[in-house]
PDB file of N, CA and C in Angstrom:
ATOM      1  N   MET A   1     -10.769   7.760  14.651  1.00  0.00           N
ATOM      2  CA  MET A   1      -9.432   7.472  14.159  1.00  0.00           C
ATOM      3  C   MET A   1      -9.422   7.476  12.645  1.00  0.00           C
ATOM      4  N   LYS A   2      -9.129   8.591  12.088  1.00  0.00           N
ATOM      5  CA  LYS A   2      -9.177   8.741  10.642  1.00  0.00           C
ATOM      6  C   LYS A   2      -8.045   7.993   9.947  1.00  0.00           C
ATOM      7  N   ASN A   3      -6.870   7.954  10.539  1.00  0.00           N
ATOM      8  CA  ASN A   3      -5.701   7.338   9.911  1.00  0.00           C
ATOM      9  C   ASN A   3      -5.496   5.883  10.328  1.00  0.00           C
ATOM     10  N   ARG A   4      -6.535   5.252  10.758  1.00  0.00           N
ATOM     11  CA  ARG A   4      -6.430   3.884  11.256  1.00  0.00           C
ATOM     12  C   ARG A   4      -5.939   2.907  10.186  1.00  0.00           C
ATOM     13  N   HIS A   5      -6.354   3.108   8.945  1.00  0.00           N
ATOM     14  CA  HIS A   5      -5.983   2.190   7.877  1.00  0.00           C
ATOM     15  C   HIS A   5      -4.672   2.589   7.198  1.00  0.00           C
ATOM     16  N   TYR A   6      -4.112   3.717   7.589  1.00  0.00           N
ATOM     17  CA  TYR A   6      -2.866   4.189   7.000  1.00  0.00           C
ATOM     18  C   TYR A   6      -1.843   4.437   8.113  1.00  0.00           C
ATOM     19  N   PRO A   7      -1.154   3.387   8.568  1.00  0.00           N
ATOM     20  CA  PRO A   7      -0.235   3.548   9.693  1.00  0.00           C
ATOM     21  C   PRO A   7       1.024   4.346   9.368  1.00  0.00           C
ATOM     22  N   LEU A   8       1.323   4.526   8.105  1.00  0.00           N
ATOM     23  CA  LEU A   8       2.502   5.259   7.674  1.00  0.00           C
ATOM     24  C   LEU A   8       2.046   6.459   6.860  1.00  0.00           C
ATOM     25  N   LYS A   9       2.601   7.625   7.136  1.00  0.00           N
ATOM     26  CA  LYS A   9       2.219   8.817   6.376  1.00  0.00           C
ATOM     27  C   LYS A   9       2.676   8.676   4.931  1.00  0.00           C
ATOM     28  N   GLU A  10       1.892   9.245   4.028  1.00  0.00           N
ATOM     29  CA  GLU A  10       2.200   9.114   2.609  1.00  0.00           C
ATOM     30  C   GLU A  10       3.528   9.772   2.244  1.00  0.00           C
ATOM     31  N   CYS A  11       3.853  10.891   2.878  1.00  0.00           N
ATOM     32  CA  CYS A  11       5.131  11.547   2.562  1.00  0.00           C
ATOM     33  C   CYS A  11       6.308  10.683   3.009  1.00  0.00           C
ATOM     34  N   ASP A  12       6.179   9.976   4.134  1.00  0.00           N
ATOM     35  CA  ASP A  12       7.238   9.064   4.581  1.00  0.00           C
ATOM     36  C   ASP A  12       7.350   7.858   3.651  1.00  0.00           C
ATOM     37  N   PHE A  13       6.212   7.380   3.178  1.00  0.00           N
ATOM     38  CA  PHE A  13       6.212   6.257   2.243  1.00  0.00           C
ATOM     39  C   PHE A  13       6.925   6.634   0.953  1.00  0.00           C
ATOM     40  N   ILE A  14       6.644   7.828   0.442  1.00  0.00           N
ATOM     41  CA  ILE A  14       7.251   8.281  -0.819  1.00  0.00           C
ATOM     42  C   ILE A  14       8.763   8.412  -0.675  1.00  0.00           C
ATOM     43  N   LYS A  15       9.227   8.870   0.471  1.00  0.00           N
ATOM     44  CA  LYS A  15      10.669   9.050   0.687  1.00  0.00           C
ATOM     45  C   LYS A  15      11.409   7.738   0.889  1.00  0.00           C
ATOM     46  N   THR A  16      10.824   6.803   1.633  1.00  0.00           N
ATOM     47  CA  THR A  16      11.574   5.621   2.051  1.00  0.00           C
ATOM     48  C   THR A  16      11.269   4.348   1.271  1.00  0.00           C
ATOM     49  N   ILE A  17      10.026   4.081   0.982  1.00  0.00           N
ATOM     50  CA  ILE A  17       9.648   2.772   0.432  1.00  0.00           C
ATOM     51  C   ILE A  17       9.400   2.806  -1.066  1.00  0.00           C
ATOM     52  N   GLU A  18       8.760   3.851  -1.560  1.00  0.00           N
ATOM     53  CA  GLU A  18       8.401   3.886  -2.974  1.00  0.00           C
ATOM     54  C   GLU A  18       9.596   3.797  -3.923  1.00  0.00           C
ATOM     55  N   PRO A  19      10.754   4.367  -3.617  1.00  0.00           N
ATOM     56  CA  PRO A  19      11.891   4.191  -4.531  1.00  0.00           C
ATOM     57  C   PRO A  19      12.270   2.723  -4.756  1.00  0.00           C
ATOM     58  N   HIS A  20      12.106   1.897  -3.740  1.00  0.00           N
ATOM     59  CA  HIS A  20      12.407   0.470  -3.887  1.00  0.00           C
ATOM     60  C   HIS A  20      11.368  -0.232  -4.761  1.00  0.00           C
ATOM     61  N   ILE A  21      10.129   0.204  -4.687  1.00  0.00           N
ATOM     62  CA  ILE A  21       9.074  -0.389  -5.510  1.00  0.00           C
ATOM     63  C   ILE A  21       9.257   0.022  -6.969  1.00  0.00           C
ATOM     64  N   ILE A  22       9.509   1.290  -7.195  1.00  0.00           N
ATOM     65  CA  ILE A  22       9.642   1.800  -8.563  1.00  0.00           C
ATOM     66  C   ILE A  22      10.849   1.188  -9.261  1.00  0.00           C
ATOM     67  N   LYS A  23      11.889   0.883  -8.507  1.00  0.00           N
ATOM     68  CA  LYS A  23      13.092   0.284  -9.092  1.00  0.00           C
ATOM     69  C   LYS A  23      12.763  -1.061  -9.755  1.00  0.00           C
ATOM     70  N   TYR A  24      11.809  -1.811  -9.226  1.00  0.00           N
ATOM     71  CA  TYR A  24      11.454  -3.119  -9.776  1.00  0.00           C
ATOM     72  C   TYR A  24      10.135  -3.124 -10.531  1.00  0.00           C
ATOM     73  N   ASP A  25       9.503  -1.981 -10.696  1.00  0.00           N
ATOM     74  CA  ASP A  25       8.188  -1.912 -11.331  1.00  0.00           C
ATOM     75  C   ASP A  25       8.320  -1.489 -12.790  1.00  0.00           C
ATOM     76  N   LYS A  26       9.059  -2.252 -13.578  1.00  0.00           N
ATOM     77  CA  LYS A  26       9.256  -1.917 -14.996  1.00  0.00           C
ATOM     78  C   LYS A  26       8.742  -3.024 -15.899  1.00  0.00           C
ATOM     79  N   ARG A  27       7.663  -3.634 -15.510  1.00  0.00           N
ATOM     80  CA  ARG A  27       7.117  -4.708 -16.326  1.00  0.00           C
ATOM     81  C   ARG A  27       5.916  -4.218 -17.116  1.00  0.00           C
ATOM     82  N   PRO A  28       5.669  -4.815 -18.263  1.00  0.00           N
ATOM     83  CA  PRO A  28       4.514  -4.391 -19.060  1.00  0.00           C
ATOM     84  C   PRO A  28       3.208  -4.869 -18.432  1.00  0.00           C
ATOM     85  N   GLY A  29       2.154  -4.284 -18.863  1.00  0.00           N
ATOM     86  CA  GLY A  29       0.843  -4.686 -18.374  1.00  0.00           C
ATOM     87  C   GLY A  29      -0.044  -3.474 -18.189  1.00  0.00           C
ATOM     88  N   ARG A  30      -1.221  -3.736 -17.712  1.00  0.00           N
ATOM     89  CA  ARG A  30      -2.158  -2.635 -17.550  1.00  0.00           C
ATOM     90  C   ARG A  30      -1.782  -1.832 -16.308  1.00  0.00           C
ATOM     91  N   PRO A  31      -2.085  -0.556 -16.309  1.00  0.00           N
ATOM     92  CA  PRO A  31      -1.742   0.297 -15.163  1.00  0.00           C
ATOM     93  C   PRO A  31      -2.527  -0.105 -13.913  1.00  0.00           C
ATOM     94  N   ALA A  32      -1.942   0.133 -12.779  1.00  0.00           N
ATOM     95  CA  ALA A  32      -2.588  -0.217 -11.512  1.00  0.00           C
ATOM     96  C   ALA A  32      -3.806   0.666 -11.265  1.00  0.00           C
ATOM     97  N   SER A  33      -4.813   0.090 -10.629  1.00  0.00           N
ATOM     98  CA  SER A  33      -6.022   0.864 -10.340  1.00  0.00           C
ATOM     99  C   SER A  33      -5.922   1.591  -9.000  1.00  0.00           C
ATOM    100  N   ILE A  34      -4.974   1.187  -8.148  1.00  0.00           N
ATOM    101  CA  ILE A  34      -4.744   1.881  -6.886  1.00  0.00           C
ATOM    102  C   ILE A  34      -3.268   2.230  -6.797  1.00  0.00           C
ATOM    103  N   SER A  35      -2.950   3.139  -5.909  1.00  0.00           N
ATOM    104  CA  SER A  35      -1.562   3.577  -5.779  1.00  0.00           C
ATOM    105  C   SER A  35      -0.743   2.553  -4.986  1.00  0.00           C
ATOM    106  N   HIS A  36       0.560   2.673  -5.096  1.00  0.00           N
ATOM    107  CA  HIS A  36       1.451   1.804  -4.324  1.00  0.00           C
ATOM    108  C   HIS A  36       1.240   2.016  -2.826  1.00  0.00           C
ATOM    109  N   TYR A  37       0.968   3.244  -2.450  1.00  0.00           N
ATOM    110  CA  TYR A  37       0.749   3.572  -1.041  1.00  0.00           C
ATOM    111  C   TYR A  37      -0.493   2.876  -0.491  1.00  0.00           C
ATOM    112  N   GLN A  38      -1.580   2.878  -1.253  1.00  0.00           N
ATOM    113  CA  GLN A  38      -2.804   2.222  -0.806  1.00  0.00           C
ATOM    114  C   GLN A  38      -2.602   0.712  -0.690  1.00  0.00           C
ATOM    115  N   PHE A  39      -1.894   0.118  -1.642  1.00  0.00           N
ATOM    116  CA  PHE A  39      -1.652  -1.318  -1.583  1.00  0.00           C
ATOM    117  C   PHE A  39      -0.768  -1.673  -0.395  1.00  0.00           C
ATOM    118  N   PHE A  40       0.279  -0.896  -0.166  1.00  0.00           N
ATOM    119  CA  PHE A  40       1.177  -1.140   0.957  1.00  0.00           C
ATOM    120  C   PHE A  40       0.425  -1.034   2.280  1.00  0.00           C
ATOM    121  N   SER A  41      -0.433  -0.036   2.397  1.00  0.00           N
ATOM    122  CA  SER A  41      -1.228   0.127   3.618  1.00  0.00           C
ATOM    123  C   SER A  41      -2.200  -1.037   3.807  1.00  0.00           C
ATOM    124  N   ALA A  42      -2.770  -1.538   2.725  1.00  0.00           N
ATOM    125  CA  ALA A  42      -3.671  -2.693   2.818  1.00  0.00           C
ATOM    126  C   ALA A  42      -2.919  -3.933   3.281  1.00  0.00           C
ATOM    127  N   VAL A  43      -1.700  -4.137   2.779  1.00  0.00           N
ATOM    128  CA  VAL A  43      -0.897  -5.285   3.214  1.00  0.00           C
ATOM    129  C   VAL A  43      -0.590  -5.176   4.700  1.00  0.00           C
ATOM    130  N   LEU A  44      -0.210  -3.989   5.160  1.00  0.00           N
ATOM    131  CA  LEU A  44       0.055  -3.805   6.589  1.00  0.00           C
ATOM    132  C   LEU A  44      -1.195  -4.049   7.422  1.00  0.00           C
ATOM    133  N   SER A  45      -2.336  -3.628   6.922  1.00  0.00           N
ATOM    134  CA  SER A  45      -3.590  -3.830   7.636  1.00  0.00           C
ATOM    135  C   SER A  45      -3.924  -5.315   7.765  1.00  0.00           C
ATOM    136  N   VAL A  46      -3.728  -6.063   6.687  1.00  0.00           N
ATOM    137  CA  VAL A  46      -3.998  -7.507   6.727  1.00  0.00           C
ATOM    138  C   VAL A  46      -3.037  -8.196   7.691  1.00  0.00           C
ATOM    139  N   LEU A  47      -1.772  -7.817   7.656  1.00  0.00           N
ATOM    140  CA  LEU A  47      -0.794  -8.429   8.556  1.00  0.00           C
ATOM    141  C   LEU A  47      -1.071  -8.086  10.017  1.00  0.00           C
ATOM    142  N   ARG A  48      -1.524  -6.865  10.246  1.00  0.00           N
ATOM    143  CA  ARG A  48      -1.770  -6.429  11.620  1.00  0.00           C
ATOM    144  C   ARG A  48      -3.020  -7.063  12.212  1.00  0.00           C
ATOM    145  N   THR A  49      -4.100  -7.137  11.429  1.00  0.00           N
ATOM    146  CA  THR A  49      -5.379  -7.594  11.967  1.00  0.00           C
ATOM    147  C   THR A  49      -5.686  -9.052  11.662  1.00  0.00           C
ATOM    148  N   GLY A  50      -5.104  -9.594  10.594  1.00  0.00           N
ATOM    149  CA  GLY A  50      -5.381 -10.973  10.239  1.00  0.00           C
ATOM    150  C   GLY A  50      -6.674 -11.152   9.468  1.00  0.00           C
ATOM    151  N   ILE A  51      -7.254 -10.071   8.969  1.00  0.00           N
ATOM    152  CA  ILE A  51      -8.508 -10.177   8.225  1.00  0.00           C
ATOM    153  C   ILE A  51      -8.253 -10.708   6.823  1.00  0.00           C
ATOM    154  N   PRO A  52      -9.232 -11.347   6.197  1.00  0.00           N
ATOM    155  CA  PRO A  52      -9.056 -11.788   4.818  1.00  0.00           C
ATOM    156  C   PRO A  52      -9.029 -10.611   3.846  1.00  0.00           C
ATOM    157  N   TRP A  53      -8.444 -10.839   2.670  1.00  0.00           N
ATOM    158  CA  TRP A  53      -8.336  -9.776   1.669  1.00  0.00           C
ATOM    159  C   TRP A  53      -9.690  -9.214   1.288  1.00  0.00           C
ATOM    160  N   ARG A  54     -10.722 -10.047   1.243  1.00  0.00           N
ATOM    161  CA  ARG A  54     -12.037  -9.557   0.817  1.00  0.00           C
ATOM    162  C   ARG A  54     -12.640  -8.581   1.810  1.00  0.00           C
ATOM    163  N   ASP A  55     -12.140  -8.561   3.043  1.00  0.00           N
ATOM    164  CA  ASP A  55     -12.675  -7.657   4.071  1.00  0.00           C
ATOM    165  C   ASP A  55     -11.849  -6.382   4.237  1.00  0.00           C
ATOM    166  N   VAL A  56     -10.833  -6.193   3.407  1.00  0.00           N
ATOM    167  CA  VAL A  56     -10.033  -4.971   3.491  1.00  0.00           C
ATOM    168  C   VAL A  56     -10.888  -3.814   3.024  1.00  0.00           C
ATOM    169  N   PRO A  57     -10.921  -2.699   3.778  1.00  0.00           N
ATOM    170  CA  PRO A  57     -11.736  -1.567   3.359  1.00  0.00           C
ATOM    171  C   PRO A  57     -11.240  -0.947   2.055  1.00  0.00           C
ATOM    172  N   ASP A  58     -12.140  -0.324   1.335  1.00  0.00           N
ATOM    173  CA  ASP A  58     -11.771   0.351   0.082  1.00  0.00           C
ATOM    174  C   ASP A  58     -10.888   1.481   0.417  1.00  0.00           C
TER     175      ASP A  58
END
């Protein structure tokens, strides 16, 4: 199961969810080290499995 950690396709994420994130992502600070898509998928993975943040796969 290659897509096990990514329950939503990246093209669907870009069309539906990312516009809402970008609308509120105008704060100063250092650039993110991972993409919005990877972070969103990690949050879904934690909610689905109940694992701690330290056990989320890279």
